[in-house]
Amino acid sequence: MARPKTHNSTADRIRKRVQKAKPSTVFHAGQFLDVDTRTAVDKALSRLVASGYLKRLARGLYYEPKTHPVLGEVLPPVESVAKALADRDHVKLQPFGGYAANLLRLSDQVPARVVFLTDGKSRKINYGNQSIELRQASPRMMAAAGRMTGLVIAGLRYIGKDNITPERVAHLRQLLSPEDRRQLLKDITLAPAWMHPYFRAIAREDDGQ
């Protein structure tokens, strides 16, 4: 006769799943509902937090703690937290402001407060010295979320028309893949009219056509 499933076995199975995940992955309970019931998963996660195997990053978000010999505890990167939030809440997230410009390497400044536009609820998450703000945005602002187009729109909006130089246009042409550059033209109506010439310059073929 098969042995009944115990809370310990649930914790063990979650631990094995965590071990197989990519480094710096952020988890939420919904990712383990194939392991056991929601109640059992929640109890197992609490047990793993109490034992120190996992740490609670924010409400409903967990990560495996890592320590650097010099820097001390290494927190998960913003991208991992955002991915877990989007997956848990079934929402879209779009990097915005200085964070978008930094991802595109249009700015060297790493903002202390990272902002994402979202089609979900506005909220703020603080962990360590990092702050993530989710701002509810209109469907039009979110139309290109998840694509390079959305990142380019946000990055160009942040640095402003007066600061878009030929060197920055050339940088984006080199940074974006040919597929992403073609997508810019398909999505051009989603960008403000003042960006259209820059979209065309970034997307143009290498032969100048």
C-alpha atoms as a PDB file:
ATOM      1  CA  MET A   1       0.000   0.000   0.000  1.00  0.00           C
ATOM      2  CA  ALA A   2       1.286   3.427  -0.924  1.00  0.00           C
ATOM      3  CA  ARG A   3       2.385   5.571   1.977  1.00  0.00           C
ATOM      4  CA  PRO A   4       0.279   8.714   2.528  1.00  0.00           C
ATOM      5  CA  LYS A   5       1.868  11.972   1.488  1.00  0.00           C
ATOM      6  CA  THR A   6       3.275  13.933   4.424  1.00  0.00           C
ATOM      7  CA  HIS A   7       4.114  17.599   4.840  1.00  0.00           C
ATOM      8  CA  ASN A   8       7.788  16.636   5.103  1.00  0.00           C
ATOM      9  CA  SER A   9       7.670  14.915   1.719  1.00  0.00           C
ATOM     10  CA  THR A  10       6.049  18.044   0.287  1.00  0.00           C
ATOM     11  CA  ALA A  11       8.905  20.159   1.649  1.00  0.00           C
ATOM     12  CA  ASP A  12      11.433  17.681   0.280  1.00  0.00           C
ATOM     13  CA  ARG A  13       9.893  17.833  -3.186  1.00  0.00           C
ATOM     14  CA  ILE A  14       9.854  21.621  -3.111  1.00  0.00           C
ATOM     15  CA  ARG A  15      13.493  21.597  -2.005  1.00  0.00           C
ATOM     16  CA  LYS A  16      14.444  19.395  -4.935  1.00  0.00           C
ATOM     17  CA  ARG A  17      12.583  21.715  -7.322  1.00  0.00           C
ATOM     18  CA  VAL A  18      14.471  24.690  -5.903  1.00  0.00           C
ATOM     19  CA  GLN A  19      17.797  22.875  -6.315  1.00  0.00           C
ATOM     20  CA  LYS A  20      17.102  22.289 -10.014  1.00  0.00           C
ATOM     21  CA  ALA A  21      16.075  25.888 -10.718  1.00  0.00           C
ATOM     22  CA  LYS A  22      18.375  28.528 -12.154  1.00  0.00           C
ATOM     23  CA  PRO A  23      20.421  30.527  -9.645  1.00  0.00           C
ATOM     24  CA  SER A  24      18.657  33.599  -8.224  1.00  0.00           C
ATOM     25  CA  THR A  25      15.196  32.290  -9.126  1.00  0.00           C
ATOM     26  CA  VAL A  26      12.343  33.754  -7.091  1.00  0.00           C
ATOM     27  CA  PHE A  27       9.498  31.358  -6.299  1.00  0.00           C
ATOM     28  CA  HIS A  28       5.846  31.596  -5.357  1.00  0.00           C
ATOM     29  CA  ALA A  29       3.447  28.966  -4.031  1.00  0.00           C
ATOM     30  CA  GLY A  30       1.603  28.626  -7.331  1.00  0.00           C
ATOM     31  CA  GLN A  31       4.691  27.045  -8.874  1.00  0.00           C
ATOM     32  CA  PHE A  32       4.388  24.035  -6.572  1.00  0.00           C
ATOM     33  CA  LEU A  33       0.681  23.218  -6.789  1.00  0.00           C
ATOM     34  CA  ASP A  34       1.519  20.122  -8.843  1.00  0.00           C
ATOM     35  CA  VAL A  35       3.394  18.866  -5.772  1.00  0.00           C
ATOM     36  CA  ASP A  36       0.525  19.014  -3.254  1.00  0.00           C
ATOM     37  CA  THR A  37      -2.516  21.019  -2.183  1.00  0.00           C
ATOM     38  CA  ARG A  38      -2.256  24.771  -1.627  1.00  0.00           C
ATOM     39  CA  THR A  39      -2.532  24.317   2.137  1.00  0.00           C
ATOM     40  CA  ALA A  40       0.220  21.705   2.204  1.00  0.00           C
ATOM     41  CA  VAL A  41       2.465  23.811  -0.061  1.00  0.00           C
ATOM     42  CA  ASP A  42       1.996  26.906   2.103  1.00  0.00           C
ATOM     43  CA  LYS A  43       2.877  24.916   5.237  1.00  0.00           C
ATOM     44  CA  ALA A  44       5.911  23.373   3.543  1.00  0.00           C
ATOM     45  CA  LEU A  45       7.157  26.786   2.405  1.00  0.00           C
ATOM     46  CA  SER A  46       6.747  28.132   5.940  1.00  0.00           C
ATOM     47  CA  ARG A  47       8.707  25.143   7.230  1.00  0.00           C
ATOM     48  CA  LEU A  48      11.500  25.743   4.703  1.00  0.00           C
ATOM     49  CA  VAL A  49      11.646  29.413   5.709  1.00  0.00           C
ATOM     50  CA  ALA A  50      11.784  28.492   9.397  1.00  0.00           C
ATOM     51  CA  SER A  51      14.665  26.090   8.715  1.00  0.00           C
ATOM     52  CA  GLY A  52      16.582  28.786   6.809  1.00  0.00           C
ATOM     53  CA  TYR A  53      16.549  26.882   3.514  1.00  0.00           C
ATOM     54  CA  LEU A  54      14.358  29.567   1.924  1.00  0.00           C
ATOM     55  CA  LYS A  55      13.867  33.229   2.755  1.00  0.00           C
ATOM     56  CA  ARG A  56      10.682  35.213   2.284  1.00  0.00           C
ATOM     57  CA  LEU A  57      11.475  38.139  -0.024  1.00  0.00           C
ATOM     58  CA  ALA A  58       8.012  39.695   0.171  1.00  0.00           C
ATOM     59  CA  ARG A  59       4.497  38.453   0.742  1.00  0.00           C
ATOM     60  CA  GLY A  60       4.181  35.207  -1.205  1.00  0.00           C
ATOM     61  CA  LEU A  61       7.678  35.369  -2.745  1.00  0.00           C
ATOM     62  CA  TYR A  62      10.602  33.164  -1.717  1.00  0.00           C
ATOM     63  CA  TYR A  63      14.236  32.628  -2.674  1.00  0.00           C
ATOM     64  CA  GLU A  64      17.168  30.432  -1.722  1.00  0.00           C
ATOM     65  CA  PRO A  65      19.618  32.613   0.260  1.00  0.00           C
ATOM     66  CA  LYS A  66      23.151  32.919  -1.064  1.00  0.00           C
ATOM     67  CA  THR A  67      26.139  34.499   0.660  1.00  0.00           C
ATOM     68  CA  HIS A  68      29.180  36.127  -0.954  1.00  0.00           C
ATOM     69  CA  PRO A  69      32.408  35.926   1.120  1.00  0.00           C
ATOM     70  CA  VAL A  70      32.933  39.682   0.795  1.00  0.00           C
ATOM     71  CA  LEU A  71      29.562  41.212  -0.068  1.00  0.00           C
ATOM     72  CA  GLY A  72      27.507  39.132   2.327  1.00  0.00           C
ATOM     73  CA  GLU A  73      23.985  38.070   1.382  1.00  0.00           C
ATOM     74  CA  VAL A  74      23.287  38.293  -2.347  1.00  0.00           C
ATOM     75  CA  LEU A  75      19.678  39.202  -3.080  1.00  0.00           C
ATOM     76  CA  PRO A  76      17.905  38.067  -6.259  1.00  0.00           C
ATOM     77  CA  PRO A  77      18.107  40.520  -9.161  1.00  0.00           C
ATOM     78  CA  VAL A  78      15.165  42.740 -10.046  1.00  0.00           C
ATOM     79  CA  GLU A  79      14.474  40.697 -13.181  1.00  0.00           C
ATOM     80  CA  SER A  80      13.879  37.556 -11.126  1.00  0.00           C
ATOM     81  CA  VAL A  81      11.520  39.333  -8.742  1.00  0.00           C
ATOM     82  CA  ALA A  82       9.582  40.869 -11.638  1.00  0.00           C
ATOM     83  CA  LYS A  83       9.280  37.522 -13.403  1.00  0.00           C
ATOM     84  CA  ALA A  84       7.888  35.884 -10.259  1.00  0.00           C
ATOM     85  CA  LEU A  85       5.414  38.726  -9.722  1.00  0.00           C
ATOM     86  CA  ALA A  86       4.178  38.586 -13.306  1.00  0.00           C
ATOM     87  CA  ASP A  87       3.786  34.817 -13.129  1.00  0.00           C
ATOM     88  CA  ARG A  88       2.093  34.795  -9.737  1.00  0.00           C
ATOM     89  CA  ASP A  89      -0.389  37.578 -10.493  1.00  0.00           C
ATOM     90  CA  HIS A  90      -0.872  36.777 -14.208  1.00  0.00           C
ATOM     91  CA  VAL A  91      -0.007  40.329 -15.253  1.00  0.00           C
ATOM     92  CA  LYS A  92       2.254  41.996 -17.777  1.00  0.00           C
ATOM     93  CA  LEU A  93       5.186  44.132 -16.663  1.00  0.00           C
ATOM     94  CA  GLN A  94       7.047  46.735 -18.704  1.00  0.00           C
ATOM     95  CA  PRO A  95      10.353  48.273 -17.505  1.00  0.00           C
ATOM     96  CA  PHE A  96       9.955  52.038 -17.296  1.00  0.00           C
ATOM     97  CA  GLY A  97      11.964  55.210 -16.758  1.00  0.00           C
ATOM     98  CA  GLY A  98      15.598  55.042 -15.746  1.00  0.00           C
ATOM     99  CA  TYR A  99      15.480  51.281 -15.395  1.00  0.00           C
ATOM    100  CA  ALA A 100      14.474  50.865 -19.049  1.00  0.00           C
ATOM    101  CA  ALA A 101      17.230  53.256 -20.150  1.00  0.00           C
ATOM    102  CA  ASN A 102      19.762  51.329 -18.065  1.00  0.00           C
ATOM    103  CA  LEU A 103      18.708  47.976 -19.563  1.00  0.00           C
ATOM    104  CA  LEU A 104      19.269  49.448 -23.039  1.00  0.00           C
ATOM    105  CA  ARG A 105      22.592  50.907 -21.867  1.00  0.00           C
ATOM    106  CA  LEU A 106      21.396  54.388 -22.749  1.00  0.00           C
ATOM    107  CA  SER A 107      22.179  55.398 -19.169  1.00  0.00           C
ATOM    108  CA  ASP A 108      24.881  54.208 -16.767  1.00  0.00           C
ATOM    109  CA  GLN A 109      22.821  55.104 -13.713  1.00  0.00           C
ATOM    110  CA  VAL A 110      21.232  52.201 -11.858  1.00  0.00           C
ATOM    111  CA  PRO A 111      18.098  53.592 -10.196  1.00  0.00           C
ATOM    112  CA  ALA A 112      17.545  52.771  -6.516  1.00  0.00           C
ATOM    113  CA  ARG A 113      13.830  52.592  -7.288  1.00  0.00           C
ATOM    114  CA  VAL A 114      12.974  50.375 -10.231  1.00  0.00           C
ATOM    115  CA  VAL A 115       9.661  51.098 -11.945  1.00  0.00           C
ATOM    116  CA  PHE A 116       7.550  48.743 -14.034  1.00  0.00           C
ATOM    117  CA  LEU A 117       4.310  49.614 -15.768  1.00  0.00           C
ATOM    118  CA  THR A 118       1.659  46.950 -15.309  1.00  0.00           C
ATOM    119  CA  ASP A 119      -1.826  46.019 -16.432  1.00  0.00           C
ATOM    120  CA  GLY A 120      -2.434  44.856 -12.850  1.00  0.00           C
ATOM    121  CA  LYS A 121      -2.681  46.776  -9.599  1.00  0.00           C
ATOM    122  CA  SER A 122      -0.188  49.402  -8.497  1.00  0.00           C
ATOM    123  CA  ARG A 123       2.013  48.304  -5.612  1.00  0.00           C
ATOM    124  CA  LYS A 124       5.465  48.699  -4.121  1.00  0.00           C
ATOM    125  CA  ILE A 125       7.895  46.025  -2.957  1.00  0.00           C
ATOM    126  CA  ASN A 126      10.916  46.730  -0.781  1.00  0.00           C
ATOM    127  CA  TYR A 127      13.676  44.193  -0.220  1.00  0.00           C
ATOM    128  CA  GLY A 128      17.183  44.888   0.958  1.00  0.00           C
ATOM    129  CA  ASN A 129      18.118  48.338  -0.317  1.00  0.00           C
ATOM    130  CA  GLN A 130      16.045  47.814  -3.452  1.00  0.00           C
ATOM    131  CA  SER A 131      12.588  49.146  -4.234  1.00  0.00           C
ATOM    132  CA  ILE A 132      10.316  47.924  -7.025  1.00  0.00           C
ATOM    133  CA  GLU A 133       7.289  50.004  -7.929  1.00  0.00           C
ATOM    134  CA  LEU A 134       4.500  48.689 -10.145  1.00  0.00           C
ATOM    135  CA  ARG A 135       2.414  51.428 -11.752  1.00  0.00           C
ATOM    136  CA  GLN A 136      -0.911  50.584 -13.319  1.00  0.00           C
ATOM    137  CA  ALA A 137      -0.871  51.822 -16.916  1.00  0.00           C
ATOM    138  CA  SER A 138      -3.344  52.209 -19.762  1.00  0.00           C
ATOM    139  CA  PRO A 139      -3.787  49.449 -22.358  1.00  0.00           C
ATOM    140  CA  ARG A 140      -1.990  51.650 -24.915  1.00  0.00           C
ATOM    141  CA  MET A 141       1.040  52.064 -22.646  1.00  0.00           C
ATOM    142  CA  MET A 142       1.115  48.292 -22.184  1.00  0.00           C
ATOM    143  CA  ALA A 143       0.518  47.396 -25.836  1.00  0.00           C
ATOM    144  CA  ALA A 144       4.196  46.563 -26.487  1.00  0.00           C
ATOM    145  CA  ALA A 145       4.968  45.113 -23.055  1.00  0.00           C
ATOM    146  CA  GLY A 146       7.204  42.072 -23.164  1.00  0.00           C
ATOM    147  CA  ARG A 147       8.725  43.048 -26.511  1.00  0.00           C
ATOM    148  CA  MET A 148      11.869  45.016 -27.242  1.00  0.00           C
ATOM    149  CA  THR A 149       9.629  47.710 -28.717  1.00  0.00           C
ATOM    150  CA  GLY A 150       8.190  48.454 -25.299  1.00  0.00           C
ATOM    151  CA  LEU A 151      11.665  48.761 -23.809  1.00  0.00           C
ATOM    152  CA  VAL A 152      12.826  51.091 -26.593  1.00  0.00           C
ATOM    153  CA  ILE A 153       9.760  53.312 -26.186  1.00  0.00           C
ATOM    154  CA  ALA A 154      10.349  53.553 -22.433  1.00  0.00           C
ATOM    155  CA  GLY A 155      14.077  54.162 -22.826  1.00  0.00           C
ATOM    156  CA  LEU A 156      13.699  56.898 -25.436  1.00  0.00           C
ATOM    157  CA  ARG A 157      10.944  58.559 -23.447  1.00  0.00           C
ATOM    158  CA  TYR A 158      13.226  58.669 -20.407  1.00  0.00           C
ATOM    159  CA  ILE A 159      16.267  60.221 -22.075  1.00  0.00           C
ATOM    160  CA  GLY A 160      14.100  62.647 -24.089  1.00  0.00           C
ATOM    161  CA  LYS A 161      14.089  63.803 -27.694  1.00  0.00           C
ATOM    162  CA  ASP A 162      16.855  66.375 -27.183  1.00  0.00           C
ATOM    163  CA  ASN A 163      19.253  63.697 -25.932  1.00  0.00           C
ATOM    164  CA  ILE A 164      18.776  61.142 -28.711  1.00  0.00           C
ATOM    165  CA  THR A 165      22.059  61.444 -30.597  1.00  0.00           C
ATOM    166  CA  PRO A 166      23.256  59.635 -33.755  1.00  0.00           C
ATOM    167  CA  GLU A 167      25.597  57.681 -31.487  1.00  0.00           C
ATOM    168  CA  ARG A 168      22.686  56.450 -29.370  1.00  0.00           C
ATOM    169  CA  VAL A 169      20.719  55.506 -32.473  1.00  0.00           C
ATOM    170  CA  ALA A 170      23.744  53.558 -33.765  1.00  0.00           C
ATOM    171  CA  HIS A 171      24.081  51.887 -30.369  1.00  0.00           C
ATOM    172  CA  LEU A 172      20.477  50.693 -30.470  1.00  0.00           C
ATOM    173  CA  ARG A 173      20.867  49.448 -34.044  1.00  0.00           C
ATOM    174  CA  GLN A 174      23.781  47.330 -32.877  1.00  0.00           C
ATOM    175  CA  LEU A 175      22.101  46.202 -29.658  1.00  0.00           C
ATOM    176  CA  LEU A 176      18.816  45.073 -31.192  1.00  0.00           C
ATOM    177  CA  SER A 177      18.584  41.889 -33.219  1.00  0.00           C
ATOM    178  CA  PRO A 178      17.407  42.115 -36.853  1.00  0.00           C
ATOM    179  CA  GLU A 179      14.099  40.598 -35.744  1.00  0.00           C
ATOM    180  CA  ASP A 180      13.646  43.204 -32.995  1.00  0.00           C
ATOM    181  CA  ARG A 181      14.460  45.990 -35.439  1.00  0.00           C
ATOM    182  CA  ARG A 182      11.858  44.718 -37.903  1.00  0.00           C
ATOM    183  CA  GLN A 183       9.356  44.542 -35.052  1.00  0.00           C
ATOM    184  CA  LEU A 184       9.959  48.240 -34.315  1.00  0.00           C
ATOM    185  CA  LEU A 185       8.488  49.120 -37.709  1.00  0.00           C
ATOM    186  CA  LYS A 186       5.506  46.836 -37.148  1.00  0.00           C
ATOM    187  CA  ASP A 187       4.896  48.510 -33.778  1.00  0.00           C
ATOM    188  CA  ILE A 188       5.677  52.064 -34.840  1.00  0.00           C
ATOM    189  CA  THR A 189       2.086  53.278 -34.312  1.00  0.00           C
ATOM    190  CA  LEU A 190       2.394  52.321 -30.629  1.00  0.00           C
ATOM    191  CA  ALA A 191       5.150  54.918 -30.150  1.00  0.00           C
ATOM    192  CA  PRO A 192       4.630  58.690 -29.860  1.00  0.00           C
ATOM    193  CA  ALA A 193       4.880  60.456 -33.221  1.00  0.00           C
ATOM    194  CA  TRP A 194       8.162  62.171 -32.288  1.00  0.00           C
ATOM    195  CA  MET A 195       9.837  58.745 -31.950  1.00  0.00           C
ATOM    196  CA  HIS A 196       8.877  57.538 -35.439  1.00  0.00           C
ATOM    197  CA  PRO A 197      11.972  58.925 -37.213  1.00  0.00           C
ATOM    198  CA  TYR A 198      14.213  57.270 -34.605  1.00  0.00           C
ATOM    199  CA  PHE A 199      12.369  53.975 -34.963  1.00  0.00           C
ATOM    200  CA  ARG A 200      12.981  54.088 -38.722  1.00  0.00           C
ATOM    201  CA  ALA A 201      16.655  54.975 -38.232  1.00  0.00           C
ATOM    202  CA  ILE A 202      17.154  52.143 -35.755  1.00  0.00           C
ATOM    203  CA  ALA A 203      15.305  49.651 -37.947  1.00  0.00           C
ATOM    204  CA  ARG A 204      16.863  50.535 -41.309  1.00  0.00           C
ATOM    205  CA  GLU A 205      18.904  47.897 -43.093  1.00  0.00           C
ATOM    206  CA  ASP A 206      22.698  48.052 -42.976  1.00  0.00           C
ATOM    207  CA  ASP A 207      22.875  49.108 -46.608  1.00  0.00           C
ATOM    208  CA  GLY A 208      20.918  52.227 -45.782  1.00  0.00           C
ATOM    209  CA  GLN A 209      17.731  51.219 -47.563  1.00  0.00           C
END
